[in-house]
Amino acid sequence: MIKRAFTLVECLIVLIIMSLITLLLSLQIRVIKSTTTKSLERPLDWYICLTELESQDHRFMLEKVSNQKLQLISRSSGLTYELYGTDRLYLSRANRGGYMLLFSDIKSGTVMFNELAGSRVKIQAERKNGQKLIGVVKFYEKTTNKDSSRIRSAN
């Protein structure tokens, strides 16, 4: 009686097919890892934070700059706000309490505000994972004396 079995050629073909499948899966995993890494290199949440500071909804004017605090006046409401940089960026009404969180996950003590020409501020920070963040925010120009007296009376 003759028993049926796989021939040597059939075994080699199966071995080659299995190795190709394994190779393709490992390449696919590398592609997935590289696209995930690239998407983290562009910090979308950081750009959203900077865009919110330049928003037409608030129309912030720059009043005063220190290392870890900006004093801003809203052109639309006339209210005074302070932007603090600690282990997060948050906006607070001056001497009124409460705050709005704009950006978190920042390494404590790494936020720096530097005033530039033309009502611009350079904001530097470092995330807890070591990623450095730099952005320049252009605030609205200060208004004339007539307009600013109207704004200050609203405070």
N, C-alpha and C. Protein backbone atom coordinates (compact mmCIF):
# COMPACT_ATOMS: atom_id res chain seq x y z
N MET A 1 0.81 -1.17 0.00
CA MET A 1 0.00 0.00 0.00
C MET A 1 0.87 1.26 0.00
N ILE A 2 0.53 2.16 -0.86
CA ILE A 2 1.29 3.40 -0.97
C ILE A 2 0.55 4.48 -0.16
N LYS A 3 1.32 5.15 0.72
CA LYS A 3 0.74 6.25 1.50
C LYS A 3 0.99 7.57 0.76
N ARG A 4 -0.04 8.39 0.76
CA ARG A 4 0.12 9.70 0.12
C ARG A 4 0.77 10.65 1.12
N ALA A 5 1.70 11.44 0.69
CA ALA A 5 2.38 12.41 1.54
C ALA A 5 2.78 13.62 0.68
N PHE A 6 3.18 14.66 1.35
CA PHE A 6 3.64 15.84 0.62
C PHE A 6 5.02 15.55 0.05
N THR A 7 5.22 16.06 -1.14
CA THR A 7 6.54 15.91 -1.73
C THR A 7 7.42 17.05 -1.24
N LEU A 8 8.68 16.93 -1.49
CA LEU A 8 9.63 17.95 -1.07
C LEU A 8 9.34 19.29 -1.75
N VAL A 9 8.95 19.28 -2.99
CA VAL A 9 8.63 20.50 -3.73
C VAL A 9 7.43 21.21 -3.12
N GLU A 10 6.40 20.45 -2.77
CA GLU A 10 5.21 21.05 -2.15
C GLU A 10 5.55 21.69 -0.81
N CYS A 11 6.39 21.04 -0.05
CA CYS A 11 6.80 21.60 1.25
C CYS A 11 7.58 22.89 1.06
N LEU A 12 8.46 22.95 0.08
CA LEU A 12 9.22 24.17 -0.18
C LEU A 12 8.31 25.31 -0.63
N ILE A 13 7.32 25.03 -1.45
CA ILE A 13 6.39 26.06 -1.91
C ILE A 13 5.60 26.63 -0.73
N VAL A 14 5.12 25.77 0.15
CA VAL A 14 4.38 26.23 1.33
C VAL A 14 5.29 27.07 2.23
N LEU A 15 6.53 26.66 2.39
CA LEU A 15 7.49 27.40 3.21
C LEU A 15 7.75 28.79 2.63
N ILE A 16 7.89 28.88 1.33
CA ILE A 16 8.11 30.18 0.67
C ILE A 16 6.89 31.08 0.83
N ILE A 17 5.70 30.55 0.66
CA ILE A 17 4.47 31.34 0.81
C ILE A 17 4.34 31.85 2.24
N MET A 18 4.61 31.01 3.21
CA MET A 18 4.51 31.43 4.62
C MET A 18 5.54 32.52 4.95
N SER A 19 6.75 32.40 4.41
CA SER A 19 7.76 33.42 4.68
C SER A 19 7.39 34.74 4.02
N LEU A 20 6.80 34.72 2.83
CA LEU A 20 6.35 35.95 2.18
C LEU A 20 5.24 36.63 2.98
N ILE A 21 4.32 35.86 3.49
CA ILE A 21 3.24 36.42 4.32
C ILE A 21 3.82 37.08 5.56
N THR A 22 4.75 36.43 6.21
CA THR A 22 5.39 36.98 7.41
C THR A 22 6.15 38.26 7.08
N LEU A 23 6.86 38.27 5.97
CA LEU A 23 7.61 39.45 5.55
C LEU A 23 6.67 40.63 5.26
N LEU A 24 5.59 40.39 4.56
CA LEU A 24 4.63 41.45 4.25
C LEU A 24 3.97 42.01 5.51
N LEU A 25 3.66 41.16 6.47
CA LEU A 25 3.08 41.64 7.73
C LEU A 25 4.06 42.52 8.50
N SER A 26 5.32 42.13 8.53
CA SER A 26 6.30 42.95 9.26
C SER A 26 6.51 44.30 8.58
N LEU A 27 6.49 44.33 7.25
CA LEU A 27 6.60 45.60 6.53
C LEU A 27 5.38 46.49 6.80
N GLN A 28 4.22 45.90 6.86
CA GLN A 28 3.00 46.66 7.14
C GLN A 28 3.04 47.28 8.53
N ILE A 29 3.56 46.55 9.49
CA ILE A 29 3.68 47.07 10.85
C ILE A 29 4.63 48.26 10.88
N ARG A 30 5.74 48.19 10.14
CA ARG A 30 6.68 49.32 10.07
C ARG A 30 6.02 50.56 9.47
N VAL A 31 5.23 50.37 8.43
CA VAL A 31 4.54 51.50 7.79
C VAL A 31 3.57 52.15 8.77
N ILE A 32 2.84 51.35 9.50
CA ILE A 32 1.88 51.88 10.48
C ILE A 32 2.62 52.66 11.56
N LYS A 33 3.74 52.15 12.05
CA LYS A 33 4.51 52.86 13.08
C LYS A 33 5.05 54.18 12.56
N SER A 34 5.55 54.21 11.34
CA SER A 34 6.13 55.45 10.80
C SER A 34 5.06 56.52 10.57
N THR A 35 3.87 56.15 10.12
CA THR A 35 2.82 57.15 9.93
C THR A 35 2.32 57.68 11.26
N THR A 36 2.29 56.86 12.27
CA THR A 36 1.88 57.32 13.60
C THR A 36 2.90 58.31 14.14
N THR A 37 4.18 58.04 13.95
CA THR A 37 5.23 58.93 14.42
C THR A 37 5.17 60.27 13.70
N LYS A 38 4.96 60.27 12.40
CA LYS A 38 4.89 61.51 11.65
C LYS A 38 3.72 62.37 12.08
N SER A 39 2.60 61.77 12.39
CA SER A 39 1.45 62.56 12.80
C SER A 39 1.68 63.22 14.15
N LEU A 40 2.53 62.64 15.00
CA LEU A 40 2.82 63.25 16.29
C LEU A 40 3.83 64.39 16.16
N GLU A 41 4.58 64.43 15.05
CA GLU A 41 5.56 65.49 14.87
C GLU A 41 4.89 66.83 14.60
N ARG A 42 3.68 66.83 14.11
CA ARG A 42 2.95 68.06 13.85
C ARG A 42 1.89 68.23 14.93
N PRO A 43 2.19 69.02 15.92
CA PRO A 43 1.27 69.13 17.07
C PRO A 43 0.04 69.97 16.74
N LEU A 44 -0.98 69.31 16.26
CA LEU A 44 -2.21 69.98 15.85
C LEU A 44 -2.84 70.75 17.01
N ASP A 45 -2.83 70.17 18.21
CA ASP A 45 -3.44 70.84 19.35
C ASP A 45 -2.72 72.15 19.69
N TRP A 46 -1.41 72.22 19.44
CA TRP A 46 -0.65 73.44 19.68
C TRP A 46 -1.10 74.54 18.71
N TYR A 47 -1.27 74.19 17.45
CA TYR A 47 -1.71 75.17 16.46
C TYR A 47 -3.14 75.63 16.72
N ILE A 48 -3.98 74.75 17.22
CA ILE A 48 -5.34 75.14 17.58
C ILE A 48 -5.31 76.14 18.73
N CYS A 49 -4.44 75.91 19.69
CA CYS A 49 -4.29 76.84 20.83
C CYS A 49 -3.86 78.22 20.34
N LEU A 50 -2.86 78.27 19.46
CA LEU A 50 -2.38 79.56 18.94
C LEU A 50 -3.46 80.26 18.12
N THR A 51 -4.21 79.50 17.35
CA THR A 51 -5.30 80.06 16.55
C THR A 51 -6.39 80.64 17.44
N GLU A 52 -6.67 79.99 18.55
CA GLU A 52 -7.69 80.49 19.49
C GLU A 52 -7.26 81.84 20.08
N LEU A 53 -5.96 82.02 20.33
CA LEU A 53 -5.49 83.29 20.86
C LEU A 53 -5.61 84.42 19.83
N GLU A 54 -5.51 84.08 18.54
CA GLU A 54 -5.62 85.08 17.48
C GLU A 54 -7.05 85.23 16.96
N SER A 55 -7.99 84.55 17.57
CA SER A 55 -9.36 84.47 17.09
C SER A 55 -10.04 85.84 17.01
N GLN A 56 -10.90 85.98 16.01
CA GLN A 56 -11.70 87.19 15.87
C GLN A 56 -12.81 87.25 16.91
N ASP A 57 -13.10 86.12 17.54
CA ASP A 57 -14.12 86.12 18.59
C ASP A 57 -13.68 86.94 19.79
N HIS A 58 -12.39 86.90 20.11
CA HIS A 58 -11.87 87.61 21.29
C HIS A 58 -11.23 88.94 20.91
N ARG A 59 -10.50 88.96 19.81
CA ARG A 59 -9.75 90.14 19.36
C ARG A 59 -8.88 90.69 20.48
N PHE A 60 -7.98 89.86 20.98
CA PHE A 60 -7.12 90.26 22.08
C PHE A 60 -6.09 91.29 21.64
N MET A 61 -5.91 92.30 22.49
CA MET A 61 -4.83 93.27 22.33
C MET A 61 -3.83 93.01 23.44
N LEU A 62 -2.57 93.14 23.13
CA LEU A 62 -1.50 92.89 24.08
C LEU A 62 -1.31 94.10 24.98
N GLU A 63 -1.39 93.89 26.28
CA GLU A 63 -1.22 94.97 27.25
C GLU A 63 0.15 94.90 27.92
N LYS A 64 0.52 93.72 28.41
CA LYS A 64 1.76 93.59 29.18
C LYS A 64 2.31 92.17 29.02
N VAL A 65 3.64 92.05 28.96
CA VAL A 65 4.29 90.75 28.79
C VAL A 65 5.29 90.54 29.92
N SER A 66 5.21 89.39 30.57
CA SER A 66 6.26 88.97 31.50
C SER A 66 6.67 87.55 31.11
N ASN A 67 7.62 86.96 31.82
CA ASN A 67 8.14 85.64 31.44
C ASN A 67 7.07 84.57 31.34
N GLN A 68 6.16 84.51 32.31
CA GLN A 68 5.18 83.43 32.32
C GLN A 68 3.74 83.93 32.38
N LYS A 69 3.54 85.20 31.96
CA LYS A 69 2.18 85.74 31.99
C LYS A 69 2.03 86.83 30.93
N LEU A 70 0.89 86.81 30.25
CA LEU A 70 0.52 87.88 29.33
C LEU A 70 -0.74 88.54 29.84
N GLN A 71 -0.79 89.85 29.76
CA GLN A 71 -2.02 90.55 30.10
C GLN A 71 -2.64 91.02 28.78
N LEU A 72 -3.88 90.61 28.56
CA LEU A 72 -4.58 90.87 27.31
C LEU A 72 -5.89 91.60 27.56
N ILE A 73 -6.29 92.41 26.61
CA ILE A 73 -7.59 93.08 26.68
C ILE A 73 -8.38 92.64 25.46
N SER A 74 -9.60 92.19 25.69
CA SER A 74 -10.47 91.78 24.60
C SER A 74 -11.07 93.01 23.94
N ARG A 75 -10.82 93.16 22.66
CA ARG A 75 -11.35 94.30 21.94
C ARG A 75 -12.86 94.20 21.77
N SER A 76 -13.38 92.98 21.74
CA SER A 76 -14.82 92.81 21.53
C SER A 76 -15.61 93.04 22.80
N SER A 77 -15.08 92.63 23.97
CA SER A 77 -15.84 92.79 25.21
C SER A 77 -15.26 93.87 26.13
N GLY A 78 -14.00 94.25 25.92
CA GLY A 78 -13.37 95.23 26.78
C GLY A 78 -12.85 94.66 28.09
N LEU A 79 -12.95 93.37 28.29
CA LEU A 79 -12.52 92.75 29.54
C LEU A 79 -11.03 92.44 29.51
N THR A 80 -10.41 92.46 30.69
CA THR A 80 -8.98 92.16 30.82
C THR A 80 -8.80 90.70 31.18
N TYR A 81 -7.89 90.03 30.46
CA TYR A 81 -7.59 88.62 30.69
C TYR A 81 -6.10 88.45 30.93
N GLU A 82 -5.75 87.36 31.56
CA GLU A 82 -4.35 87.01 31.75
C GLU A 82 -4.12 85.60 31.23
N LEU A 83 -3.07 85.45 30.44
CA LEU A 83 -2.68 84.14 29.92
C LEU A 83 -1.48 83.67 30.73
N TYR A 84 -1.67 82.57 31.46
CA TYR A 84 -0.62 82.04 32.32
C TYR A 84 0.04 80.84 31.67
N GLY A 85 1.35 80.72 31.87
CA GLY A 85 2.08 79.55 31.41
C GLY A 85 2.74 78.86 32.58
N THR A 86 2.19 77.75 33.01
CA THR A 86 2.79 76.96 34.10
C THR A 86 3.05 75.57 33.53
N ASP A 87 2.37 74.56 34.04
CA ASP A 87 2.43 73.24 33.42
C ASP A 87 1.30 73.09 32.40
N ARG A 88 0.64 74.21 32.11
CA ARG A 88 -0.42 74.30 31.11
C ARG A 88 -0.57 75.77 30.73
N LEU A 89 -1.24 76.02 29.62
CA LEU A 89 -1.58 77.39 29.23
C LEU A 89 -3.06 77.58 29.52
N TYR A 90 -3.37 78.61 30.29
CA TYR A 90 -4.78 78.86 30.57
C TYR A 90 -5.04 80.36 30.62
N LEU A 91 -6.26 80.70 30.25
CA LEU A 91 -6.71 82.07 30.18
C LEU A 91 -7.63 82.34 31.35
N SER A 92 -7.40 83.45 32.05
CA SER A 92 -8.19 83.77 33.23
C SER A 92 -8.57 85.25 33.20
N ARG A 93 -9.74 85.58 33.71
CA ARG A 93 -10.11 86.99 33.87
C ARG A 93 -9.27 87.58 34.98
N ALA A 94 -8.76 88.76 34.78
CA ALA A 94 -7.91 89.41 35.77
C ALA A 94 -8.69 89.67 37.05
N ASN A 95 -8.22 89.14 38.15
CA ASN A 95 -8.79 89.34 39.49
C ASN A 95 -10.25 88.90 39.60
N ARG A 96 -10.69 87.97 38.78
CA ARG A 96 -12.08 87.53 38.84
C ARG A 96 -12.22 86.04 39.10
N GLY A 97 -11.14 85.28 39.04
CA GLY A 97 -11.24 83.83 39.23
C GLY A 97 -11.74 83.13 37.99
N GLY A 98 -11.70 81.82 38.04
CA GLY A 98 -12.10 81.01 36.90
C GLY A 98 -11.05 81.03 35.81
N TYR A 99 -11.05 80.01 34.98
CA TYR A 99 -10.08 79.97 33.89
C TYR A 99 -10.58 79.08 32.77
N MET A 100 -9.96 79.25 31.60
CA MET A 100 -10.24 78.39 30.45
C MET A 100 -8.93 77.75 30.03
N LEU A 101 -8.87 76.44 30.07
CA LEU A 101 -7.67 75.70 29.70
C LEU A 101 -7.51 75.73 28.18
N LEU A 102 -6.34 76.17 27.72
CA LEU A 102 -6.07 76.21 26.29
C LEU A 102 -5.16 75.08 25.84
N PHE A 103 -4.19 74.70 26.69
CA PHE A 103 -3.22 73.68 26.31
C PHE A 103 -2.64 73.07 27.57
N SER A 104 -2.53 71.74 27.58
CA SER A 104 -1.97 71.06 28.75
C SER A 104 -0.82 70.17 28.31
N ASP A 105 -0.34 69.33 29.20
CA ASP A 105 0.75 68.39 28.93
C ASP A 105 2.07 69.11 28.67
N ILE A 106 2.32 70.19 29.42
CA ILE A 106 3.55 70.96 29.29
C ILE A 106 4.43 70.67 30.49
N LYS A 107 5.73 70.54 30.24
CA LYS A 107 6.69 70.35 31.32
C LYS A 107 6.74 71.64 32.14
N SER A 108 6.62 71.52 33.44
CA SER A 108 6.55 72.67 34.33
C SER A 108 7.80 73.54 34.20
N GLY A 109 7.59 74.85 34.11
CA GLY A 109 8.70 75.80 34.06
C GLY A 109 9.30 76.01 32.68
N THR A 110 8.72 75.46 31.64
CA THR A 110 9.32 75.60 30.30
C THR A 110 8.60 76.62 29.42
N VAL A 111 7.51 77.19 29.90
CA VAL A 111 6.77 78.18 29.10
C VAL A 111 7.46 79.53 29.21
N MET A 112 7.72 80.15 28.06
CA MET A 112 8.35 81.47 28.02
C MET A 112 7.61 82.34 27.01
N PHE A 113 7.32 83.57 27.40
CA PHE A 113 6.71 84.56 26.51
C PHE A 113 7.75 85.63 26.21
N ASN A 114 7.98 85.92 24.94
CA ASN A 114 8.90 86.98 24.53
C ASN A 114 8.16 87.94 23.61
N GLU A 115 8.17 89.22 23.95
CA GLU A 115 7.48 90.21 23.13
C GLU A 115 8.31 90.52 21.89
N LEU A 116 7.64 90.56 20.75
CA LEU A 116 8.26 90.90 19.48
C LEU A 116 7.62 92.18 18.96
N ALA A 117 8.15 92.74 17.90
CA ALA A 117 7.60 93.96 17.32
C ALA A 117 6.23 93.69 16.70
N GLY A 118 5.41 94.71 16.65
CA GLY A 118 4.13 94.62 15.96
C GLY A 118 3.07 93.82 16.69
N SER A 119 2.96 93.96 17.99
CA SER A 119 1.95 93.26 18.80
C SER A 119 2.03 91.75 18.65
N ARG A 120 3.24 91.23 18.53
CA ARG A 120 3.43 89.79 18.42
C ARG A 120 4.16 89.28 19.65
N VAL A 121 3.87 88.03 19.99
CA VAL A 121 4.53 87.38 21.13
C VAL A 121 4.99 85.99 20.69
N LYS A 122 6.23 85.68 21.02
CA LYS A 122 6.77 84.34 20.76
C LYS A 122 6.52 83.51 22.00
N ILE A 123 5.85 82.37 21.82
CA ILE A 123 5.55 81.47 22.92
C ILE A 123 6.36 80.20 22.73
N GLN A 124 7.15 79.86 23.75
CA GLN A 124 7.95 78.64 23.72
C GLN A 124 7.53 77.76 24.87
N ALA A 125 7.47 76.46 24.62
CA ALA A 125 7.13 75.50 25.67
C ALA A 125 7.73 74.15 25.30
N GLU A 126 7.72 73.25 26.26
CA GLU A 126 8.19 71.89 26.02
C GLU A 126 7.18 70.93 26.62
N ARG A 127 6.78 69.96 25.81
CA ARG A 127 5.85 68.95 26.31
C ARG A 127 6.54 68.02 27.30
N LYS A 128 5.75 67.27 28.02
CA LYS A 128 6.31 66.31 28.98
C LYS A 128 7.08 65.20 28.28
N ASN A 129 6.80 64.95 27.00
CA ASN A 129 7.54 63.93 26.25
C ASN A 129 8.81 64.48 25.62
N GLY A 130 9.14 65.76 25.87
CA GLY A 130 10.37 66.36 25.37
C GLY A 130 10.22 67.13 24.08
N GLN A 131 9.07 67.11 23.45
CA GLN A 131 8.86 67.82 22.19
C GLN A 131 8.81 69.32 22.44
N LYS A 132 9.63 70.07 21.69
CA LYS A 132 9.68 71.52 21.85
C LYS A 132 8.61 72.16 20.97
N LEU A 133 7.91 73.14 21.53
CA LEU A 133 6.84 73.84 20.83
C LEU A 133 7.19 75.32 20.76
N ILE A 134 7.10 75.90 19.59
CA ILE A 134 7.36 77.33 19.41
C ILE A 134 6.27 77.88 18.50
N GLY A 135 5.75 79.04 18.88
CA GLY A 135 4.74 79.68 18.05
C GLY A 135 4.76 81.18 18.24
N VAL A 136 4.37 81.90 17.21
CA VAL A 136 4.28 83.35 17.28
C VAL A 136 2.81 83.73 17.10
N VAL A 137 2.30 84.50 18.06
CA VAL A 137 0.91 84.93 18.04
C VAL A 137 0.87 86.42 17.72
N LYS A 138 0.05 86.78 16.75
CA LYS A 138 -0.13 88.18 16.37
C LYS A 138 -1.44 88.66 16.98
N PHE A 139 -1.33 89.57 17.95
CA PHE A 139 -2.52 90.13 18.58
C PHE A 139 -2.96 91.37 17.81
N TYR A 140 -4.18 91.81 18.08
CA TYR A 140 -4.70 93.01 17.43
C TYR A 140 -3.94 94.23 17.92
N GLU A 141 -3.83 95.22 17.05
CA GLU A 141 -3.16 96.47 17.41
C GLU A 141 -4.00 97.21 18.44
N LYS A 142 -3.32 97.97 19.28
CA LYS A 142 -4.05 98.77 20.27
C LYS A 142 -4.88 99.83 19.56
N THR A 143 -6.01 100.15 20.17
CA THR A 143 -6.93 101.11 19.56
C THR A 143 -6.50 102.53 19.89
N THR A 144 -7.18 103.51 19.29
CA THR A 144 -6.89 104.91 19.57
C THR A 144 -7.37 105.26 20.97
N ASN A 145 -7.01 106.42 21.46
CA ASN A 145 -7.39 106.85 22.81
C ASN A 145 -8.91 106.90 22.99
N LYS A 146 -9.62 107.35 21.96
CA LYS A 146 -11.08 107.45 22.05
C LYS A 146 -11.70 106.06 22.22
N ASP A 147 -11.21 105.08 21.44
CA ASP A 147 -11.73 103.72 21.53
C ASP A 147 -11.33 103.05 22.84
N SER A 148 -10.10 103.31 23.30
CA SER A 148 -9.64 102.63 24.51
C SER A 148 -10.36 103.14 25.75
N SER A 149 -10.78 104.41 25.77
CA SER A 149 -11.54 104.90 26.93
C SER A 149 -12.90 104.22 26.99
N ARG A 150 -13.49 103.93 25.83
CA ARG A 150 -14.77 103.22 25.79
C ARG A 150 -14.58 101.79 26.29
N ILE A 151 -13.48 101.16 25.91
CA ILE A 151 -13.21 99.78 26.34
C ILE A 151 -12.95 99.74 27.84
N ARG A 152 -12.15 100.65 28.35
CA ARG A 152 -11.82 100.64 29.78
C ARG A 152 -13.05 100.91 30.66
N SER A 153 -13.98 101.70 30.15
CA SER A 153 -15.19 101.97 30.94
C SER A 153 -16.06 100.72 31.07
N ALA A 154 -15.91 99.77 30.15
CA ALA A 154 -16.68 98.52 30.23
C ALA A 154 -16.13 97.62 31.33
N ASN A 155 -14.84 97.76 31.68
CA ASN A 155 -14.25 96.95 32.75
C ASN A 155 -14.86 97.33 34.05
